[in-house]
């Protein structure tokens, strides 16, 4: 998410707390007023989410694959994750559209998916309105809060749902108006249902039109799907198309992107080992050797600390040695997972 959007959201959430806080402060005190303001907002969120889930369950008549009901997450089993979810505030109300992955994988036409997305959007706002009315009905007699306070909070929450313009946050505007559902869906790292053929088909058509961050996410999901599904063949053409584009952006996207690209190249090499595919092993070695040269030359803007560069070089050389010997590296997890936070069970394509 862009910095200006973060500041806008921080201001919006502060305003939401403030509109409940100030009417309460005289009778409740500062600390209690803040707690009650946060609790009221949480009640609105919780009730709205439950209502939304019930509505969508009735409309789709299918089970949910992914849900977030703070502080819980569901992806086959419920987990209590209050801290992890604080790192993903944008996803708390925006996970439900991802459940259309079932219809997507069944090959439903995009027109039907778009109708479902519109229903999800409409039902979310209806659920929010109903939740606001319910909380007002049960609290206005015991708390000095007017109907205008709740009306204003609803308007702010409604506006918030249209601010999402980042793939981590599936805002209504991005999903409905910008027609980006497929791209967002394919970029999600936790979805296991999508086939490698679908990833490959999409990349073949769209790889030139994607931003580097989206392209690297979808391509990594393609690699994971190959590893998970253990197919006999891979689409080499897409590797030759995508990798040069990703590699070309490494100077402008910063060191974190470079590290992400390394993890991607490790997966390419690992595929070459388990599929006994020399072309994939050579591709991995080719780009990893380039990365070593550039780490040694200090080719990145702003430079990289020598200790960081040296550590990267050691790890890359170790992996290249495994490629040459065609063996799975020891403690292979360190080659495939960065220190990422996950709210759903991460895909585990690497088998011991």
Protein backbone atom coordinates (compact mmCIF):
# COMPACT_ATOMS: atom_id res chain seq x y z
CA UNK A 1 0.00 0.00 0.00
CA UNK A 2 1.25 3.48 -0.84
CA UNK A 3 2.30 5.81 1.98
CA UNK A 4 -0.33 8.44 1.15
CA UNK A 5 -3.00 5.74 1.35
CA UNK A 6 -1.67 4.61 4.73
CA UNK A 7 -1.88 8.15 6.06
CA UNK A 8 -5.40 8.51 4.70
CA UNK A 9 -6.48 5.28 6.37
CA UNK A 10 -4.80 6.22 9.66
CA UNK A 11 -6.69 9.51 9.61
CA UNK A 12 -9.95 7.79 8.73
CA UNK A 13 -9.67 5.24 11.55
CA UNK A 14 -8.67 7.96 14.01
CA UNK A 15 -11.76 9.92 13.00
CA UNK A 16 -13.92 6.83 13.47
CA UNK A 17 -12.66 6.42 17.03
CA UNK A 18 -13.00 10.15 17.67
CA UNK A 19 -16.67 10.39 16.70
CA UNK A 20 -17.51 7.84 19.42
CA UNK A 21 -14.88 9.07 21.86
CA UNK A 22 -15.84 12.74 22.23
CA UNK A 23 -19.51 12.19 23.14
CA UNK A 24 -18.39 9.73 25.85
CA UNK A 25 -15.45 11.56 27.40
CA UNK A 26 -17.39 13.77 29.82
CA UNK A 27 -19.27 10.90 31.43
CA UNK A 28 -16.76 8.06 31.07
CA UNK A 29 -13.28 9.59 31.22
CA UNK A 30 -10.45 9.40 28.70
CA UNK A 31 -9.31 5.79 29.04
CA UNK A 32 -12.78 4.23 29.29
CA UNK A 33 -14.04 6.40 26.42
CA UNK A 34 -11.27 5.19 24.11
CA UNK A 35 -11.93 1.56 25.05
CA UNK A 36 -15.67 1.94 24.51
CA UNK A 37 -15.16 3.69 21.16
CA UNK A 38 -12.94 0.84 19.94
CA UNK A 39 -15.39 -1.74 21.31
CA UNK A 40 -18.34 -0.12 19.52
CA UNK A 41 -16.45 -0.13 16.22
CA UNK A 42 -15.48 -3.75 16.79
CA UNK A 43 -19.10 -4.71 17.48
CA UNK A 44 -20.20 -3.03 14.26
CA UNK A 45 -17.46 -4.86 12.35
CA UNK A 46 -18.16 -8.24 13.99
CA UNK A 47 -21.94 -8.13 13.52
CA UNK A 48 -21.58 -6.82 9.95
CA UNK A 49 -19.18 -9.64 9.06
CA UNK A 50 -21.47 -12.32 10.51
CA UNK A 51 -24.47 -10.91 8.62
CA UNK A 52 -22.40 -10.70 5.44
CA UNK A 53 -21.28 -14.33 5.77
CA UNK A 54 -24.90 -15.46 6.28
CA UNK A 55 -26.11 -13.51 3.23
CA UNK A 56 -23.36 -14.84 0.95
CA UNK A 57 -23.88 -18.39 2.24
CA UNK A 58 -27.56 -18.09 1.31
CA UNK A 59 -26.78 -16.63 -2.15
CA UNK A 60 -23.97 -19.03 -3.13
CA UNK A 61 -25.11 -22.15 -1.27
CA UNK A 62 -21.47 -23.21 -1.02
CA UNK A 63 -19.07 -23.59 1.87
CA UNK A 64 -16.42 -20.95 2.47
CA UNK A 65 -12.76 -21.70 1.84
CA UNK A 66 -11.35 -18.54 3.44
CA UNK A 67 -12.78 -16.33 6.16
CA UNK A 68 -11.55 -13.70 8.58
CA UNK A 69 -13.60 -12.81 11.64
CA UNK A 70 -11.12 -10.93 13.79
CA UNK A 71 -9.33 -12.32 15.78
CA UNK A 72 -10.03 -15.64 14.01
CA UNK A 73 -9.17 -16.95 10.54
CA UNK A 74 -10.59 -19.93 8.70
CA UNK A 75 -9.07 -21.91 5.81
CA UNK A 76 -10.39 -25.36 6.62
CA UNK A 77 -9.95 -24.93 10.36
CA UNK A 78 -10.32 -21.98 12.70
CA UNK A 79 -7.22 -20.33 14.14
CA UNK A 80 -6.81 -17.56 16.71
CA UNK A 81 -4.43 -14.96 15.24
CA UNK A 82 -4.97 -11.52 16.79
CA UNK A 83 -1.36 -10.37 16.32
CA UNK A 84 -0.87 -11.64 12.77
CA UNK A 85 -4.09 -10.01 11.64
CA UNK A 86 -2.87 -6.63 12.86
CA UNK A 87 -0.33 -6.79 10.02
CA UNK A 88 -3.15 -7.36 7.51
CA UNK A 89 -5.81 -4.79 8.48
CA UNK A 90 -6.87 -4.39 4.84
CA UNK A 91 -7.87 -8.05 4.55
CA UNK A 92 -10.17 -8.22 7.54
CA UNK A 93 -13.31 -7.29 5.60
CA UNK A 94 -12.14 -8.15 2.12
CA UNK A 95 -11.51 -11.90 2.10
CA UNK A 96 -15.00 -13.08 1.15
CA UNK A 97 -14.60 -12.34 -2.61
CA UNK A 98 -11.65 -14.76 -2.66
CA UNK A 99 -14.12 -17.61 -2.09
CA UNK A 100 -15.23 -17.18 -5.69
CA UNK A 101 -12.08 -19.14 -6.52
CA UNK A 102 -14.37 -22.18 -6.54
CA UNK A 103 -16.50 -20.74 -9.36
CA UNK A 104 -13.36 -19.46 -11.09
CA UNK A 105 -11.76 -22.93 -11.11
CA UNK A 106 -14.99 -24.44 -12.44
CA UNK A 107 -14.67 -22.20 -15.49
CA UNK A 108 -17.68 -20.01 -14.78
CA UNK A 109 -17.89 -17.10 -17.26
CA UNK A 110 -16.54 -13.78 -16.05
CA UNK A 111 -19.99 -12.21 -16.48
CA UNK A 112 -21.36 -14.54 -13.81
CA UNK A 113 -18.38 -13.89 -11.53
CA UNK A 114 -18.91 -10.16 -11.89
CA UNK A 115 -22.56 -10.53 -10.89
CA UNK A 116 -21.46 -12.42 -7.80
CA UNK A 117 -18.90 -9.72 -7.01
CA UNK A 118 -21.60 -7.07 -7.24
CA UNK A 119 -23.79 -9.09 -4.88
CA UNK A 120 -20.89 -9.42 -2.46
CA UNK A 121 -20.31 -5.67 -2.62
CA UNK A 122 -23.99 -4.84 -2.12
CA UNK A 123 -24.50 -7.39 0.66
CA UNK A 124 -21.41 -6.10 2.48
CA UNK A 125 -22.81 -2.57 2.60
CA UNK A 126 -26.25 -3.86 3.61
CA UNK A 127 -24.64 -5.92 6.38
CA UNK A 128 -22.71 -2.87 7.58
CA UNK A 129 -25.87 -0.77 7.66
CA UNK A 130 -27.80 -3.45 9.57
CA UNK A 131 -24.94 -3.86 12.05
CA UNK A 132 -24.79 -0.11 12.66
CA UNK A 133 -28.55 -0.01 13.30
CA UNK A 134 -28.35 -3.00 15.66
CA UNK A 135 -25.51 -1.51 17.72
CA UNK A 136 -27.31 1.85 17.87
CA UNK A 137 -30.56 0.20 18.98
CA UNK A 138 -28.88 -1.59 21.89
CA UNK A 139 -26.61 1.25 23.03
CA UNK A 140 -28.31 4.61 22.47
CA UNK A 141 -30.33 4.35 25.70
CA UNK A 142 -27.34 3.63 27.91
CA UNK A 143 -24.69 5.74 26.15
CA UNK A 144 -24.81 9.44 25.22
CA UNK A 145 -24.55 8.72 21.49
CA UNK A 146 -26.90 10.24 18.93
CA UNK A 147 -28.18 8.70 15.72
CA UNK A 148 -25.98 11.16 13.81
CA UNK A 149 -22.86 9.63 15.39
CA UNK A 150 -23.77 6.23 13.99
CA UNK A 151 -24.79 7.67 10.63
CA UNK A 152 -21.42 9.40 10.33
CA UNK A 153 -19.56 6.22 11.31
CA UNK A 154 -21.45 4.27 8.64
CA UNK A 155 -20.56 6.84 5.99
CA UNK A 156 -16.87 6.67 6.94
CA UNK A 157 -16.84 2.87 6.88
CA UNK A 158 -18.61 2.91 3.52
CA UNK A 159 -15.96 5.28 2.14
CA UNK A 160 -13.21 3.06 3.55
CA UNK A 161 -14.45 0.11 1.50
CA UNK A 162 -13.78 2.05 -1.70
CA UNK A 163 -10.20 3.09 -0.91
CA UNK A 164 -8.57 -0.25 -1.69
CA UNK A 165 -6.20 -0.01 -4.63
CA UNK A 166 -3.56 -2.50 -3.58
CA UNK A 167 -3.58 -6.25 -4.13
CA UNK A 168 -3.33 -6.88 -0.41
CA UNK A 169 -6.56 -4.95 0.08
CA UNK A 170 -9.40 -5.98 -2.17
CA UNK A 171 -11.46 -2.80 -2.13
CA UNK A 172 -14.77 -2.59 -3.96
CA UNK A 173 -13.44 -0.11 -6.49
CA UNK A 174 -10.58 -2.40 -7.49
CA UNK A 175 -12.79 -5.45 -7.80
CA UNK A 176 -15.86 -4.07 -9.48
CA UNK A 177 -14.90 -0.96 -11.40
CA UNK A 178 -11.38 -1.88 -12.45
CA UNK A 179 -12.21 -5.49 -13.43
CA UNK A 180 -9.11 -6.79 -11.69
CA UNK A 181 -10.58 -9.75 -9.84
CA UNK A 182 -8.69 -12.40 -11.83
CA UNK A 183 -5.34 -10.68 -11.39
CA UNK A 184 -5.87 -10.24 -7.65
CA UNK A 185 -7.07 -13.82 -7.24
CA UNK A 186 -4.06 -15.27 -9.08
CA UNK A 187 -1.63 -13.17 -7.02
CA UNK A 188 -2.77 -14.64 -3.68
CA UNK A 189 -0.05 -16.88 -2.27
CA UNK A 190 -2.31 -19.02 -0.07
CA UNK A 191 -4.77 -20.31 -2.69
CA UNK A 192 -4.18 -23.98 -3.50
CA UNK A 193 -7.13 -24.66 -5.82
CA UNK A 194 -5.89 -22.97 -9.01
CA UNK A 195 -4.14 -25.21 -11.54
CA UNK A 196 -0.76 -24.51 -13.10
CA UNK A 197 -2.46 -24.50 -16.52
CA UNK A 198 -4.65 -21.56 -15.44
CA UNK A 199 -1.66 -19.59 -14.12
CA UNK A 200 0.31 -20.33 -17.28
CA UNK A 201 -2.57 -19.38 -19.58
CA UNK A 202 -3.09 -16.07 -17.79
CA UNK A 203 0.61 -15.19 -17.78
CA UNK A 204 0.95 -16.02 -21.47
CA UNK A 205 -1.76 -13.47 -22.28
CA UNK A 206 -1.03 -10.79 -19.68
CA UNK A 207 2.61 -10.93 -18.58
CA UNK A 208 3.54 -7.75 -20.46
CA UNK A 209 0.70 -5.80 -18.83
CA UNK A 210 1.46 -6.63 -15.18
CA UNK A 211 3.46 -4.62 -12.67
CA UNK A 212 6.67 -6.31 -11.44
CA UNK A 213 5.17 -6.99 -7.99
CA UNK A 214 2.06 -8.65 -9.44
CA UNK A 215 4.07 -10.52 -12.05
CA UNK A 216 6.49 -11.96 -9.50
CA UNK A 217 3.57 -13.00 -7.25
CA UNK A 218 1.65 -14.80 -10.00
CA UNK A 219 4.77 -16.42 -11.43
CA UNK A 220 5.76 -17.69 -7.99
CA UNK A 221 2.27 -19.15 -7.61
CA UNK A 222 2.76 -20.91 -10.94
CA UNK A 223 5.99 -22.44 -9.63
CA UNK A 224 4.28 -23.51 -6.41
CA UNK A 225 1.46 -25.12 -8.37
CA UNK A 226 3.98 -27.15 -10.38
CA UNK A 227 5.62 -28.29 -7.15
CA UNK A 228 2.31 -29.09 -5.47
CA UNK A 229 0.70 -30.87 -8.40
CA UNK A 230 3.86 -32.78 -9.37
CA UNK A 231 3.15 -32.70 -13.10
CA UNK A 232 5.30 -34.39 -15.70
CA UNK A 233 5.86 -31.27 -17.82
CA UNK A 234 6.25 -27.53 -17.37
CA UNK A 235 5.53 -24.70 -19.80
CA UNK A 236 9.09 -23.58 -20.52
CA UNK A 237 7.99 -20.80 -22.86
CA UNK A 238 6.49 -18.78 -20.03
CA UNK A 239 9.77 -19.05 -18.07
CA UNK A 240 11.69 -17.54 -20.99
CA UNK A 241 9.12 -14.74 -21.30
CA UNK A 242 8.70 -13.80 -17.65
CA UNK A 243 12.18 -14.11 -16.13
CA UNK A 244 13.84 -11.47 -18.38
CA UNK A 245 11.07 -9.00 -17.50
CA UNK A 246 11.43 -9.65 -13.78
CA UNK A 247 15.19 -9.46 -13.92
CA UNK A 248 15.18 -6.17 -15.81
CA UNK A 249 13.30 -4.44 -12.95
CA UNK A 250 15.63 -5.45 -10.14
CA UNK A 251 17.58 -2.18 -10.08
CA UNK A 252 14.52 0.06 -9.82
CA UNK A 253 12.48 -2.05 -7.36
CA UNK A 254 14.98 -2.13 -4.50
CA UNK A 255 16.87 -4.81 -2.59
CA UNK A 256 13.75 -6.52 -1.20
CA UNK A 257 12.63 -7.18 -4.76
CA UNK A 258 16.08 -8.59 -5.53
CA UNK A 259 15.78 -10.97 -2.57
CA UNK A 260 12.28 -11.99 -3.72
CA UNK A 261 13.70 -12.67 -7.17
CA UNK A 262 16.37 -14.90 -5.64
CA UNK A 263 13.73 -16.99 -3.87
CA UNK A 264 11.91 -17.27 -7.18
CA UNK A 265 15.07 -18.49 -8.92
CA UNK A 266 15.61 -21.07 -6.18
CA UNK A 267 12.17 -22.49 -6.94
CA UNK A 268 12.98 -22.59 -10.66
CA UNK A 269 16.13 -24.55 -9.82
CA UNK A 270 14.28 -26.85 -7.46
CA UNK A 271 11.79 -27.61 -10.24
CA UNK A 272 14.75 -28.44 -12.47
CA UNK A 273 16.00 -30.92 -9.88
CA UNK A 274 12.74 -32.76 -9.18
CA UNK A 275 11.66 -32.77 -12.85
CA UNK A 276 15.20 -33.60 -13.99
CA UNK A 277 14.90 -30.67 -16.38
CA UNK A 278 18.28 -29.33 -17.46
CA UNK A 279 16.77 -26.21 -19.08
CA UNK A 280 15.24 -25.12 -15.76
CA UNK A 281 18.45 -25.80 -13.86
CA UNK A 282 20.42 -23.78 -16.42
CA UNK A 283 17.95 -20.90 -16.22
CA UNK A 284 18.24 -20.81 -12.46
CA UNK A 285 22.05 -20.90 -12.59
CA UNK A 286 22.20 -18.26 -15.33
CA UNK A 287 20.29 -15.65 -13.33
CA UNK A 288 21.77 -16.58 -9.97
CA UNK A 289 25.28 -16.18 -11.38
CA UNK A 290 24.30 -12.73 -12.66
CA UNK A 291 23.07 -11.85 -9.20
CA UNK A 292 26.39 -12.90 -7.69
CA UNK A 293 28.28 -10.66 -10.12
CA UNK A 294 26.08 -7.70 -9.31
CA UNK A 295 26.31 -8.24 -5.58
CA UNK A 296 30.09 -8.24 -5.91
CA UNK A 297 30.06 -5.11 -8.10
CA UNK A 298 27.62 -3.19 -5.89
CA UNK A 299 25.31 -2.51 -8.82
CA UNK A 300 22.26 -1.56 -6.74
CA UNK A 301 21.09 1.98 -6.08
CA UNK A 302 22.05 3.06 -2.59
CA UNK A 303 24.39 0.10 -2.32
CA UNK A 304 24.19 -2.95 -0.08
CA UNK A 305 26.10 -3.56 3.12
CA UNK A 306 29.07 -5.85 2.54
CA UNK A 307 27.90 -8.28 5.21
CA UNK A 308 24.46 -8.59 3.59
CA UNK A 309 25.94 -9.02 0.12
CA UNK A 310 28.41 -11.65 1.37
CA UNK A 311 25.66 -13.63 3.06
CA UNK A 312 23.58 -13.59 -0.12
CA UNK A 313 26.56 -14.75 -2.20
CA UNK A 314 27.26 -17.68 0.14
CA UNK A 315 23.64 -18.86 0.00
CA UNK A 316 23.44 -18.49 -3.79
CA UNK A 317 26.69 -20.41 -4.31
CA UNK A 318 25.46 -23.18 -2.05
CA UNK A 319 22.29 -23.51 -4.11
CA UNK A 320 24.20 -23.48 -7.40
CA UNK A 321 26.34 -26.34 -6.07
CA UNK A 322 23.13 -28.31 -5.44
CA UNK A 323 21.98 -27.58 -8.99
CA UNK A 324 25.27 -28.87 -10.36
CA UNK A 325 25.00 -32.07 -8.33
CA UNK A 326 21.23 -32.34 -9.02
CA UNK A 327 20.44 -32.90 -5.37
CA UNK A 328 17.90 -31.32 -3.04
CA UNK A 329 19.69 -28.86 -0.73
CA UNK A 330 19.83 -29.63 2.97
CA UNK A 331 17.51 -27.55 5.16
CA UNK A 332 15.74 -26.58 1.94
CA UNK A 333 13.13 -24.38 3.68
CA UNK A 334 15.62 -21.52 3.95
CA UNK A 335 15.79 -21.35 0.15
CA UNK A 336 12.05 -21.08 -0.34
CA UNK A 337 10.46 -19.02 2.41
CA UNK A 338 11.33 -15.55 3.48
CA UNK A 339 10.28 -14.23 6.89
CA UNK A 340 6.72 -13.73 5.71
CA UNK A 341 3.68 -13.40 7.87
CA UNK A 342 0.76 -15.63 6.96
CA UNK A 343 -2.83 -15.40 8.10
CA UNK A 344 -3.83 -18.53 6.21
CA UNK A 345 -1.93 -21.80 5.98
CA UNK A 346 0.89 -21.20 3.56
CA UNK A 347 1.32 -23.49 0.61
CA UNK A 348 3.95 -26.13 1.32
CA UNK A 349 5.23 -27.24 -2.07
CA UNK A 350 8.63 -28.37 -0.85
CA UNK A 351 8.61 -31.97 0.24
CA UNK A 352 11.33 -33.52 2.30
